[in-house]
PDB file of N, CA and C in Angstrom:
ATOM      1  N   MET A   1     186.652  42.124  30.445  1.00  0.00           N
ATOM      2  CA  MET A   1     185.580  42.967  30.893  1.00  0.00           C
ATOM      3  C   MET A   1     186.170  44.231  31.520  1.00  0.00           C
ATOM      4  N   GLU A   2     185.643  45.372  31.137  1.00  0.00           N
ATOM      5  CA  GLU A   2     186.152  46.645  31.636  1.00  0.00           C
ATOM      6  C   GLU A   2     185.538  46.994  32.988  1.00  0.00           C
ATOM      7  N   LYS A   3     186.177  47.923  33.693  1.00  0.00           N
ATOM      8  CA  LYS A   3     185.707  48.345  35.008  1.00  0.00           C
ATOM      9  C   LYS A   3     184.274  48.857  34.961  1.00  0.00           C
ATOM     10  N   GLU A   4     183.973  49.629  33.919  1.00  0.00           N
ATOM     11  CA  GLU A   4     182.630  50.200  33.798  1.00  0.00           C
ATOM     12  C   GLU A   4     181.574  49.101  33.646  1.00  0.00           C
ATOM     13  N   GLU A   5     181.897  48.071  32.902  1.00  0.00           N
ATOM     14  CA  GLU A   5     180.969  46.955  32.700  1.00  0.00           C
ATOM     15  C   GLU A   5     180.754  46.186  34.004  1.00  0.00           C
ATOM     16  N   ILE A   6     181.845  45.959  34.739  1.00  0.00           N
ATOM     17  CA  ILE A   6     181.747  45.272  36.029  1.00  0.00           C
ATOM     18  C   ILE A   6     180.887  46.092  36.989  1.00  0.00           C
ATOM     19  N   LEU A   7     181.136  47.386  37.044  1.00  0.00           N
ATOM     20  CA  LEU A   7     180.363  48.269  37.908  1.00  0.00           C
ATOM     21  C   LEU A   7     178.889  48.258  37.527  1.00  0.00           C
ATOM     22  N   ARG A   8     178.604  48.350  36.250  1.00  0.00           N
ATOM     23  CA  ARG A   8     177.218  48.366  35.750  1.00  0.00           C
ATOM     24  C   ARG A   8     176.496  47.064  36.123  1.00  0.00           C
ATOM     25  N   ARG A   9     177.160  45.928  35.947  1.00  0.00           N
ATOM     26  CA  ARG A   9     176.554  44.636  36.287  1.00  0.00           C
ATOM     27  C   ARG A   9     176.312  44.519  37.800  1.00  0.00           C
ATOM     28  N   SER A  10     177.289  44.941  38.561  1.00  0.00           N
ATOM     29  CA  SER A  10     177.159  44.887  40.009  1.00  0.00           C
ATOM     30  C   SER A  10     175.999  45.757  40.494  1.00  0.00           C
ATOM     31  N   GLN A  11     175.886  46.956  39.921  1.00  0.00           N
ATOM     32  CA  GLN A  11     174.795  47.838  40.310  1.00  0.00           C
ATOM     33  C   GLN A  11     173.437  47.261  39.939  1.00  0.00           C
ATOM     34  N   SER A  12     173.344  46.641  38.777  1.00  0.00           N
ATOM     35  CA  SER A  12     172.061  46.067  38.370  1.00  0.00           C
ATOM     36  C   SER A  12     171.704  44.841  39.214  1.00  0.00           C
ATOM     37  N   GLU A  13     172.703  44.042  39.607  1.00  0.00           N
ATOM     38  CA  GLU A  13     172.459  42.873  40.449  1.00  0.00           C
ATOM     39  C   GLU A  13     172.048  43.273  41.864  1.00  0.00           C
ATOM     40  N   ASN A  14     172.583  44.378  42.348  1.00  0.00           N
ATOM     41  CA  ASN A  14     172.336  44.804  43.727  1.00  0.00           C
ATOM     42  C   ASN A  14     171.326  45.935  43.831  1.00  0.00           C
ATOM     43  N   LYS A  15     170.557  46.159  42.784  1.00  0.00           N
ATOM     44  CA  LYS A  15     169.576  47.237  42.788  1.00  0.00           C
ATOM     45  C   LYS A  15     168.552  47.004  43.903  1.00  0.00           C
ATOM     46  N   GLY A  16     168.313  48.028  44.695  1.00  0.00           N
ATOM     47  CA  GLY A  16     167.362  47.928  45.789  1.00  0.00           C
ATOM     48  C   GLY A  16     167.949  47.423  47.094  1.00  0.00           C
ATOM     49  N   LYS A  17     169.166  46.909  47.069  1.00  0.00           N
ATOM     50  CA  LYS A  17     169.832  46.438  48.285  1.00  0.00           C
ATOM     51  C   LYS A  17     170.695  47.568  48.834  1.00  0.00           C
ATOM     52  N   PRO A  18     170.796  47.675  50.159  1.00  0.00           N
ATOM     53  CA  PRO A  18     171.640  48.732  50.724  1.00  0.00           C
ATOM     54  C   PRO A  18     173.118  48.444  50.457  1.00  0.00           C
ATOM     55  N   ASP A  19     173.870  49.501  50.191  1.00  0.00           N
ATOM     56  CA  ASP A  19     175.307  49.315  50.005  1.00  0.00           C
ATOM     57  C   ASP A  19     175.993  49.319  51.376  1.00  0.00           C
ATOM     58  N   GLU A  20     177.306  49.180  51.381  1.00  0.00           N
ATOM     59  CA  GLU A  20     178.045  49.083  52.644  1.00  0.00           C
ATOM     60  C   GLU A  20     177.889  50.332  53.496  1.00  0.00           C
ATOM     61  N   LEU A  21     177.891  51.504  52.878  1.00  0.00           N
ATOM     62  CA  LEU A  21     177.737  52.748  53.633  1.00  0.00           C
ATOM     63  C   LEU A  21     176.355  52.820  54.282  1.00  0.00           C
ATOM     64  N   GLU A  22     175.325  52.448  53.552  1.00  0.00           N
ATOM     65  CA  GLU A  22     173.971  52.452  54.115  1.00  0.00           C
ATOM     66  C   GLU A  22     173.852  51.454  55.263  1.00  0.00           C
ATOM     67  N   THR A  23     174.457  50.288  55.106  1.00  0.00           N
ATOM     68  CA  THR A  23     174.427  49.280  56.159  1.00  0.00           C
ATOM     69  C   THR A  23     175.157  49.774  57.401  1.00  0.00           C
ATOM     70  N   TYR A  24     176.314  50.408  57.206  1.00  0.00           N
ATOM     71  CA  TYR A  24     177.064  50.972  58.326  1.00  0.00           C
ATOM     72  C   TYR A  24     176.254  52.065  59.009  1.00  0.00           C
ATOM     73  N   ALA A  25     175.642  52.944  58.220  1.00  0.00           N
ATOM     74  CA  ALA A  25     174.847  54.048  58.771  1.00  0.00           C
ATOM     75  C   ALA A  25     173.662  53.513  59.571  1.00  0.00           C
ATOM     76  N   LEU A  26     173.010  52.479  59.074  1.00  0.00           N
ATOM     77  CA  LEU A  26     171.892  51.878  59.791  1.00  0.00           C
ATOM     78  C   LEU A  26     172.355  51.289  61.125  1.00  0.00           C
ATOM     79  N   GLY A  27     173.488  50.606  61.109  1.00  0.00           N
ATOM     80  CA  GLY A  27     174.036  50.051  62.349  1.00  0.00           C
ATOM     81  C   GLY A  27     174.383  51.143  63.347  1.00  0.00           C
ATOM     82  N   ALA A  28     175.021  52.211  62.877  1.00  0.00           N
ATOM     83  CA  ALA A  28     175.382  53.322  63.757  1.00  0.00           C
ATOM     84  C   ALA A  28     174.132  53.997  64.312  1.00  0.00           C
ATOM     85  N   ALA A  29     173.131  54.183  63.469  1.00  0.00           N
ATOM     86  CA  ALA A  29     171.878  54.800  63.908  1.00  0.00           C
ATOM     87  C   ALA A  29     171.178  53.918  64.937  1.00  0.00           C
ATOM     88  N   SER A  30     171.195  52.615  64.727  1.00  0.00           N
ATOM     89  CA  SER A  30     170.566  51.693  65.667  1.00  0.00           C
ATOM     90  C   SER A  30     171.267  51.728  67.021  1.00  0.00           C
ATOM     91  N   ARG A  31     172.584  51.733  66.998  1.00  0.00           N
ATOM     92  CA  ARG A  31     173.338  51.798  68.260  1.00  0.00           C
ATOM     93  C   ARG A  31     173.060  53.113  68.989  1.00  0.00           C
ATOM     94  N   THR A  32     173.037  54.209  68.250  1.00  0.00           N
ATOM     95  CA  THR A  32     172.752  55.507  68.857  1.00  0.00           C
ATOM     96  C   THR A  32     171.350  55.526  69.448  1.00  0.00           C
ATOM     97  N   GLY A  33     170.403  54.963  68.725  1.00  0.00           N
ATOM     98  CA  GLY A  33     169.036  54.896  69.226  1.00  0.00           C
ATOM     99  C   GLY A  33     168.926  54.070  70.493  1.00  0.00           C
ATOM    100  N   MET A  34     169.622  52.949  70.538  1.00  0.00           N
ATOM    101  CA  MET A  34     169.593  52.088  71.722  1.00  0.00           C
ATOM    102  C   MET A  34     170.236  52.792  72.922  1.00  0.00           C
ATOM    103  N   ILE A  35     171.350  53.463  72.696  1.00  0.00           N
ATOM    104  CA  ILE A  35     172.015  54.184  73.792  1.00  0.00           C
ATOM    105  C   ILE A  35     171.135  55.323  74.290  1.00  0.00           C
ATOM    106  N   THR A  36     170.516  56.052  73.367  1.00  0.00           N
ATOM    107  CA  THR A  36     169.622  57.140  73.747  1.00  0.00           C
ATOM    108  C   THR A  36     168.417  56.602  74.517  1.00  0.00           C
ATOM    109  N   GLY A  37     167.836  55.511  74.026  1.00  0.00           N
ATOM    110  CA  GLY A  37     166.706  54.896  74.723  1.00  0.00           C
ATOM    111  C   GLY A  37     167.093  54.436  76.116  1.00  0.00           C
ATOM    112  N   ALA A  38     168.273  53.849  76.242  1.00  0.00           N
ATOM    113  CA  ALA A  38     168.744  53.411  77.556  1.00  0.00           C
ATOM    114  C   ALA A  38     168.931  54.600  78.492  1.00  0.00           C
ATOM    115  N   ALA A  39     169.484  55.689  77.986  1.00  0.00           N
ATOM    116  CA  ALA A  39     169.677  56.885  78.812  1.00  0.00           C
ATOM    117  C   ALA A  39     168.331  57.454  79.269  1.00  0.00           C
ATOM    118  N   VAL A  40     167.359  57.466  78.375  1.00  0.00           N
ATOM    119  CA  VAL A  40     166.022  57.950  78.740  1.00  0.00           C
ATOM    120  C   VAL A  40     165.407  57.043  79.808  1.00  0.00           C
ATOM    121  N   CYS A  41     165.581  55.735  79.670  1.00  0.00           N
ATOM    122  CA  CYS A  41     165.049  54.800  80.668  1.00  0.00           C
ATOM    123  C   CYS A  41     165.702  55.007  82.025  1.00  0.00           C
ATOM    124  N   VAL A  42     166.996  55.196  82.058  1.00  0.00           N
ATOM    125  CA  VAL A  42     167.688  55.444  83.326  1.00  0.00           C
ATOM    126  C   VAL A  42     167.204  56.762  83.929  1.00  0.00           C
ATOM    127  N   PHE A  43     167.051  57.789  83.111  1.00  0.00           N
ATOM    128  CA  PHE A  43     166.522  59.071  83.564  1.00  0.00           C
ATOM    129  C   PHE A  43     165.119  58.885  84.148  1.00  0.00           C
ATOM    130  N   LEU A  44     164.295  58.110  83.475  1.00  0.00           N
ATOM    131  CA  LEU A  44     162.938  57.828  83.937  1.00  0.00           C
ATOM    132  C   LEU A  44     162.957  57.132  85.299  1.00  0.00           C
ATOM    133  N   VAL A  45     163.851  56.193  85.466  1.00  0.00           N
ATOM    134  CA  VAL A  45     163.980  55.494  86.750  1.00  0.00           C
ATOM    135  C   VAL A  45     164.362  56.484  87.849  1.00  0.00           C
ATOM    136  N   LEU A  46     165.339  57.340  87.583  1.00  0.00           N
ATOM    137  CA  LEU A  46     165.781  58.308  88.594  1.00  0.00           C
ATOM    138  C   LEU A  46     164.680  59.306  88.944  1.00  0.00           C
ATOM    139  N   VAL A  47     163.997  59.813  87.938  1.00  0.00           N
ATOM    140  CA  VAL A  47     162.917  60.776  88.182  1.00  0.00           C
ATOM    141  C   VAL A  47     161.777  60.116  88.953  1.00  0.00           C
ATOM    142  N   SER A  48     161.440  58.882  88.579  1.00  0.00           N
ATOM    143  CA  SER A  48     160.338  58.203  89.267  1.00  0.00           C
ATOM    144  C   SER A  48     160.660  57.946  90.727  1.00  0.00           C
ATOM    145  N   ARG A  49     161.919  57.728  91.008  1.00  0.00           N
ATOM    146  CA  ARG A  49     162.324  57.413  92.386  1.00  0.00           C
ATOM    147  C   ARG A  49     162.528  58.651  93.229  1.00  0.00           C
ATOM    148  N   TYR A  50     163.258  59.633  92.709  1.00  0.00           N
ATOM    149  CA  TYR A  50     163.676  60.765  93.530  1.00  0.00           C
ATOM    150  C   TYR A  50     162.832  62.021  93.366  1.00  0.00           C
ATOM    151  N   VAL A  51     162.065  62.120  92.305  1.00  0.00           N
ATOM    152  CA  VAL A  51     161.259  63.327  92.088  1.00  0.00           C
ATOM    153  C   VAL A  51     159.771  63.038  92.285  1.00  0.00           C
ATOM    154  N   LEU A  52     159.267  62.028  91.605  1.00  0.00           N
ATOM    155  CA  LEU A  52     157.832  61.751  91.615  1.00  0.00           C
ATOM    156  C   LEU A  52     157.404  60.750  92.683  1.00  0.00           C
ATOM    157  N   ASP A  53     158.319  59.936  93.156  1.00  0.00           N
ATOM    158  CA  ASP A  53     158.018  58.858  94.099  1.00  0.00           C
ATOM    159  C   ASP A  53     156.907  57.947  93.556  1.00  0.00           C
ATOM    160  N   VAL A  54     157.074  57.550  92.305  1.00  0.00           N
ATOM    161  CA  VAL A  54     156.138  56.640  91.638  1.00  0.00           C
ATOM    162  C   VAL A  54     156.946  55.438  91.147  1.00  0.00           C
ATOM    163  N   PRO A  55     157.075  54.386  91.980  1.00  0.00           N
ATOM    164  CA  PRO A  55     157.946  53.259  91.612  1.00  0.00           C
ATOM    165  C   PRO A  55     157.481  52.494  90.373  1.00  0.00           C
ATOM    166  N   GLU A  56     156.179  52.546  90.053  1.00  0.00           N
ATOM    167  CA  GLU A  56     155.696  51.854  88.858  1.00  0.00           C
ATOM    168  C   GLU A  56     156.363  52.388  87.597  1.00  0.00           C
ATOM    169  N   LEU A  57     156.639  53.667  87.597  1.00  0.00           N
ATOM    170  CA  LEU A  57     157.289  54.293  86.443  1.00  0.00           C
ATOM    171  C   LEU A  57     158.698  53.734  86.251  1.00  0.00           C
ATOM    172  N   ALA A  58     159.397  53.486  87.358  1.00  0.00           N
ATOM    173  CA  ALA A  58     160.743  52.912  87.279  1.00  0.00           C
ATOM    174  C   ALA A  58     160.685  51.504  86.708  1.00  0.00           C
ATOM    175  N   LEU A  59     159.688  50.718  87.144  1.00  0.00           N
ATOM    176  CA  LEU A  59     159.554  49.363  86.616  1.00  0.00           C
ATOM    177  C   LEU A  59     159.292  49.396  85.113  1.00  0.00           C
ATOM    178  N   ALA A  60     158.479  50.323  84.678  1.00  0.00           N
ATOM    179  CA  ALA A  60     158.188  50.447  83.240  1.00  0.00           C
ATOM    180  C   ALA A  60     159.453  50.838  82.465  1.00  0.00           C
ATOM    181  N   GLY A  61     160.277  51.689  83.071  1.00  0.00           N
ATOM    182  CA  GLY A  61     161.533  52.072  82.417  1.00  0.00           C
ATOM    183  C   GLY A  61     162.452  50.880  82.203  1.00  0.00           C
ATOM    184  N   TRP A  62     162.576  50.046  83.237  1.00  0.00           N
ATOM    185  CA  TRP A  62     163.408  48.845  83.099  1.00  0.00           C
ATOM    186  C   TRP A  62     162.815  47.887  82.075  1.00  0.00           C
ATOM    187  N   MET A  63     161.490  47.780  82.050  1.00  0.00           N
ATOM    188  CA  MET A  63     160.832  46.909  81.076  1.00  0.00           C
ATOM    189  C   MET A  63     161.182  47.352  79.649  1.00  0.00           C
ATOM    190  N   VAL A  64     161.090  48.643  79.407  1.00  0.00           N
ATOM    191  CA  VAL A  64     161.396  49.171  78.069  1.00  0.00           C
ATOM    192  C   VAL A  64     162.861  48.939  77.721  1.00  0.00           C
ATOM    193  N   LEU A  65     163.745  49.207  78.660  1.00  0.00           N
ATOM    194  CA  LEU A  65     165.177  49.024  78.408  1.00  0.00           C
ATOM    195  C   LEU A  65     165.499  47.577  78.041  1.00  0.00           C
ATOM    196  N   PHE A  66     165.012  46.626  78.833  1.00  0.00           N
ATOM    197  CA  PHE A  66     165.308  45.223  78.545  1.00  0.00           C
ATOM    198  C   PHE A  66     164.617  44.741  77.271  1.00  0.00           C
ATOM    199  N   ALA A  67     163.434  45.271  76.978  1.00  0.00           N
ATOM    200  CA  ALA A  67     162.759  44.900  75.729  1.00  0.00           C
ATOM    201  C   ALA A  67     163.562  45.394  74.517  1.00  0.00           C
ATOM    202  N   MET A  68     164.095  46.607  74.595  1.00  0.00           N
ATOM    203  CA  MET A  68     164.916  47.141  73.500  1.00  0.00           C
ATOM    204  C   MET A  68     166.173  46.301  73.303  1.00  0.00           C
ATOM    205  N   GLN A  69     166.881  46.071  74.386  1.00  0.00           N
ATOM    206  CA  GLN A  69     168.129  45.307  74.298  1.00  0.00           C
ATOM    207  C   GLN A  69     167.872  43.878  73.834  1.00  0.00           C
ATOM    208  N   GLY A  70     166.853  43.249  74.391  1.00  0.00           N
ATOM    209  CA  GLY A  70     166.546  41.866  74.038  1.00  0.00           C
ATOM    210  C   GLY A  70     166.161  41.706  72.587  1.00  0.00           C
ATOM    211  N   SER A  71     165.297  42.590  72.109  1.00  0.00           N
ATOM    212  CA  SER A  71     164.885  42.485  70.708  1.00  0.00           C
ATOM    213  C   SER A  71     166.063  42.763  69.769  1.00  0.00           C
ATOM    214  N   GLY A  72     166.937  43.682  70.169  1.00  0.00           N
ATOM    215  CA  GLY A  72     168.127  43.943  69.356  1.00  0.00           C
ATOM    216  C   GLY A  72     169.041  42.726  69.281  1.00  0.00           C
ATOM    217  N   ASN A  73     169.272  42.078  70.414  1.00  0.00           N
ATOM    218  CA  ASN A  73     170.134  40.893  70.426  1.00  0.00           C
ATOM    219  C   ASN A  73     169.501  39.720  69.688  1.00  0.00           C
ATOM    220  N   LEU A  74     168.183  39.548  69.807  1.00  0.00           N
ATOM    221  CA  LEU A  74     167.526  38.464  69.063  1.00  0.00           C
ATOM    222  C   LEU A  74     167.578  38.719  67.556  1.00  0.00           C
ATOM    223  N   THR A  75     167.477  39.969  67.160  1.00  0.00           N
ATOM    224  CA  THR A  75     167.606  40.301  65.733  1.00  0.00           C
ATOM    225  C   THR A  75     169.022  40.022  65.252  1.00  0.00           C
ATOM    226  N   MET A  76     170.010  40.377  66.074  1.00  0.00           N
ATOM    227  CA  MET A  76     171.395  40.084  65.712  1.00  0.00           C
ATOM    228  C   MET A  76     171.600  38.574  65.598  1.00  0.00           C
ATOM    229  N   TYR A  77     171.009  37.809  66.514  1.00  0.00           N
ATOM    230  CA  TYR A  77     171.135  36.353  66.442  1.00  0.00           C
ATOM    231  C   TYR A  77     170.521  35.827  65.150  1.00  0.00           C
ATOM    232  N   ARG A  78     169.350  36.347  64.783  1.00  0.00           N
ATOM    233  CA  ARG A  78     168.683  35.876  63.569  1.00  0.00           C
ATOM    234  C   ARG A  78     169.571  36.052  62.335  1.00  0.00           C
ATOM    235  N   HIS A  79     170.357  37.121  62.318  1.00  0.00           N
ATOM    236  CA  HIS A  79     171.195  37.383  61.149  1.00  0.00           C
ATOM    237  C   HIS A  79     172.590  36.773  61.252  1.00  0.00           C
ATOM    238  N   LEU A  80     173.165  36.748  62.463  1.00  0.00           N
ATOM    239  CA  LEU A  80     174.552  36.305  62.618  1.00  0.00           C
ATOM    240  C   LEU A  80     174.687  34.883  63.166  1.00  0.00           C
ATOM    241  N   LYS A  81     173.626  34.362  63.765  1.00  0.00           N
ATOM    242  CA  LYS A  81     173.613  33.001  64.330  1.00  0.00           C
ATOM    243  C   LYS A  81     174.681  32.802  65.399  1.00  0.00           C
ATOM    244  N   THR A  82     174.929  33.828  66.216  1.00  0.00           N
ATOM    245  CA  THR A  82     175.873  33.671  67.317  1.00  0.00           C
ATOM    246  C   THR A  82     175.104  33.318  68.586  1.00  0.00           C
ATOM    247  N   LYS A  83     175.556  32.286  69.254  1.00  0.00           N
ATOM    248  CA  LYS A  83     174.868  31.773  70.441  1.00  0.00           C
ATOM    249  C   LYS A  83     174.800  32.832  71.540  1.00  0.00           C
ATOM    250  N   LYS A  84     175.840  33.624  71.678  1.00  0.00           N
ATOM    251  CA  LYS A  84     175.880  34.668  72.702  1.00  0.00           C
ATOM    252  C   LYS A  84     174.712  35.636  72.537  1.00  0.00           C
ATOM    253  N   LYS A  85     174.427  36.042  71.308  1.00  0.00           N
ATOM    254  CA  LYS A  85     173.323  36.974  71.056  1.00  0.00           C
ATOM    255  C   LYS A  85     171.983  36.331  71.410  1.00  0.00           C
ATOM    256  N   LEU A  86     171.835  35.046  71.127  1.00  0.00           N
ATOM    257  CA  LEU A  86     170.605  34.338  71.461  1.00  0.00           C
ATOM    258  C   LEU A  86     170.404  34.300  72.973  1.00  0.00           C
ATOM    259  N   VAL A  87     171.440  33.909  73.695  1.00  0.00           N
ATOM    260  CA  VAL A  87     171.346  33.800  75.153  1.00  0.00           C
ATOM    261  C   VAL A  87     171.058  35.165  75.772  1.00  0.00           C
ATOM    262  N   LEU A  88     171.809  36.176  75.375  1.00  0.00           N
ATOM    263  CA  LEU A  88     171.573  37.518  75.905  1.00  0.00           C
ATOM    264  C   LEU A  88     170.168  38.006  75.577  1.00  0.00           C
ATOM    265  N   GLY A  89     169.739  37.792  74.352  1.00  0.00           N
ATOM    266  CA  GLY A  89     168.405  38.230  73.940  1.00  0.00           C
ATOM    267  C   GLY A  89     167.312  37.568  74.752  1.00  0.00           C
ATOM    268  N   LEU A  90     167.426  36.268  74.961  1.00  0.00           N
ATOM    269  CA  LEU A  90     166.407  35.556  75.734  1.00  0.00           C
ATOM    270  C   LEU A  90     166.390  36.010  77.197  1.00  0.00           C
ATOM    271  N   ILE A  91     167.570  36.219  77.765  1.00  0.00           N
ATOM    272  CA  ILE A  91     167.637  36.698  79.153  1.00  0.00           C
ATOM    273  C   ILE A  91     167.017  38.094  79.256  1.00  0.00           C
ATOM    274  N   GLU A  92     167.348  38.955  78.323  1.00  0.00           N
ATOM    275  CA  GLU A  92     166.826  40.327  78.370  1.00  0.00           C
ATOM    276  C   GLU A  92     165.317  40.372  78.149  1.00  0.00           C
ATOM    277  N   VAL A  93     164.807  39.560  77.253  1.00  0.00           N
ATOM    278  CA  VAL A  93     163.358  39.505  77.052  1.00  0.00           C
ATOM    279  C   VAL A  93     162.676  38.946  78.302  1.00  0.00           C
ATOM    280  N   ALA A  94     163.302  37.968  78.940  1.00  0.00           N
ATOM    281  CA  ALA A  94     162.742  37.432  80.195  1.00  0.00           C
ATOM    282  C   ALA A  94     162.678  38.524  81.262  1.00  0.00           C
ATOM    283  N   PHE A  95     163.723  39.350  81.357  1.00  0.00           N
ATOM    284  CA  PHE A  95     163.699  40.467  82.299  1.00  0.00           C
ATOM    285  C   PHE A  95     162.593  41.462  81.939  1.00  0.00           C
ATOM    286  N   ALA A  96     162.425  41.732  80.653  1.00  0.00           N
ATOM    287  CA  ALA A  96     161.360  42.653  80.223  1.00  0.00           C
ATOM    288  C   ALA A  96     159.997  42.118  80.647  1.00  0.00           C
ATOM    289  N   ILE A  97     159.784  40.825  80.464  1.00  0.00           N
ATOM    290  CA  ILE A  97     158.514  40.208  80.873  1.00  0.00           C
ATOM    291  C   ILE A  97     158.355  40.285  82.393  1.00  0.00           C
ATOM    292  N   PHE A  98     159.438  40.021  83.111  1.00  0.00           N
ATOM    293  CA  PHE A  98     159.403  40.119  84.575  1.00  0.00           C
ATOM    294  C   PHE A  98     158.990  41.523  85.014  1.00  0.00           C
ATOM    295  N   PHE A  99     159.609  42.544  84.431  1.00  0.00           N
ATOM    296  CA  PHE A  99     159.278  43.917  84.813  1.00  0.00           C
ATOM    297  C   PHE A  99     157.864  44.304  84.376  1.00  0.00           C
ATOM    298  N   ALA A 100     157.382  43.760  83.266  1.00  0.00           N
ATOM    299  CA  ALA A 100     156.004  44.013  82.848  1.00  0.00           C
ATOM    300  C   ALA A 100     155.022  43.424  83.869  1.00  0.00           C
ATOM    301  N   VAL A 101     155.281  42.186  84.295  1.00  0.00           N
ATOM    302  CA  VAL A 101     154.421  41.548  85.296  1.00  0.00           C
ATOM    303  C   VAL A 101     154.506  42.294  86.620  1.00  0.00           C
ATOM    304  N   ALA A 102     155.715  42.693  87.015  1.00  0.00           N
ATOM    305  CA  ALA A 102     155.887  43.436  88.268  1.00  0.00           C
ATOM    306  C   ALA A 102     155.147  44.767  88.214  1.00  0.00           C
ATOM    307  N   THR A 103     155.172  45.433  87.069  1.00  0.00           N
ATOM    308  CA  THR A 103     154.453  46.704  86.917  1.00  0.00           C
ATOM    309  C   THR A 103     152.956  46.496  87.090  1.00  0.00           C
ATOM    310  N   VAL A 104     152.427  45.477  86.428  1.00  0.00           N
ATOM    311  CA  VAL A 104     150.983  45.187  86.529  1.00  0.00           C
ATOM    312  C   VAL A 104     150.615  44.849  87.973  1.00  0.00           C
ATOM    313  N   LEU A 105     151.409  43.995  88.602  1.00  0.00           N
ATOM    314  CA  LEU A 105     151.118  43.614  89.989  1.00  0.00           C
ATOM    315  C   LEU A 105     151.194  44.811  90.935  1.00  0.00           C
ATOM    316  N   LYS A 106     152.157  45.691  90.718  1.00  0.00           N
ATOM    317  CA  LYS A 106     152.320  46.875  91.561  1.00  0.00           C
ATOM    318  C   LYS A 106     151.126  47.801  91.419  1.00  0.00           C
ATOM    319  N   VAL A 107     150.604  47.939  90.203  1.00  0.00           N
ATOM    320  CA  VAL A 107     149.464  48.825  89.974  1.00  0.00           C
ATOM    321  C   VAL A 107     148.182  48.207  90.520  1.00  0.00           C
ATOM    322  N   VAL A 108     148.008  46.906  90.334  1.00  0.00           N
ATOM    323  CA  VAL A 108     146.772  46.228  90.755  1.00  0.00           C
ATOM    324  C   VAL A 108     146.704  46.082  92.271  1.00  0.00           C
ATOM    325  N   MET A 109     147.820  45.804  92.911  1.00  0.00           N
ATOM    326  CA  MET A 109     147.789  45.532  94.358  1.00  0.00           C
ATOM    327  C   MET A 109     147.972  46.772  95.178  1.00  0.00           C
TER     328      MET A 109
END
């Protein structure tokens, strides 16, 4: 079998699936998005505390940050089946829920 035939078969078998470069780019984009989201959340916490004096906004920032991190780790666990990702994801989602409840309680009370 010639190289061209192997390439043609491989392309037809993998049609519609992302190649290695696309997978790498998606991973890099996801990491950049998570870091940017985390930076925005930290900025939100600082502004809510030192500029606006609205602590509920800080709680919402932490909720968003932990929800992003937790969902990312749970997705990684679903694909890689690493126990560390599962544990981290569950802890982070629990923190997100805690901050969501704290935000609601702070606003209501």
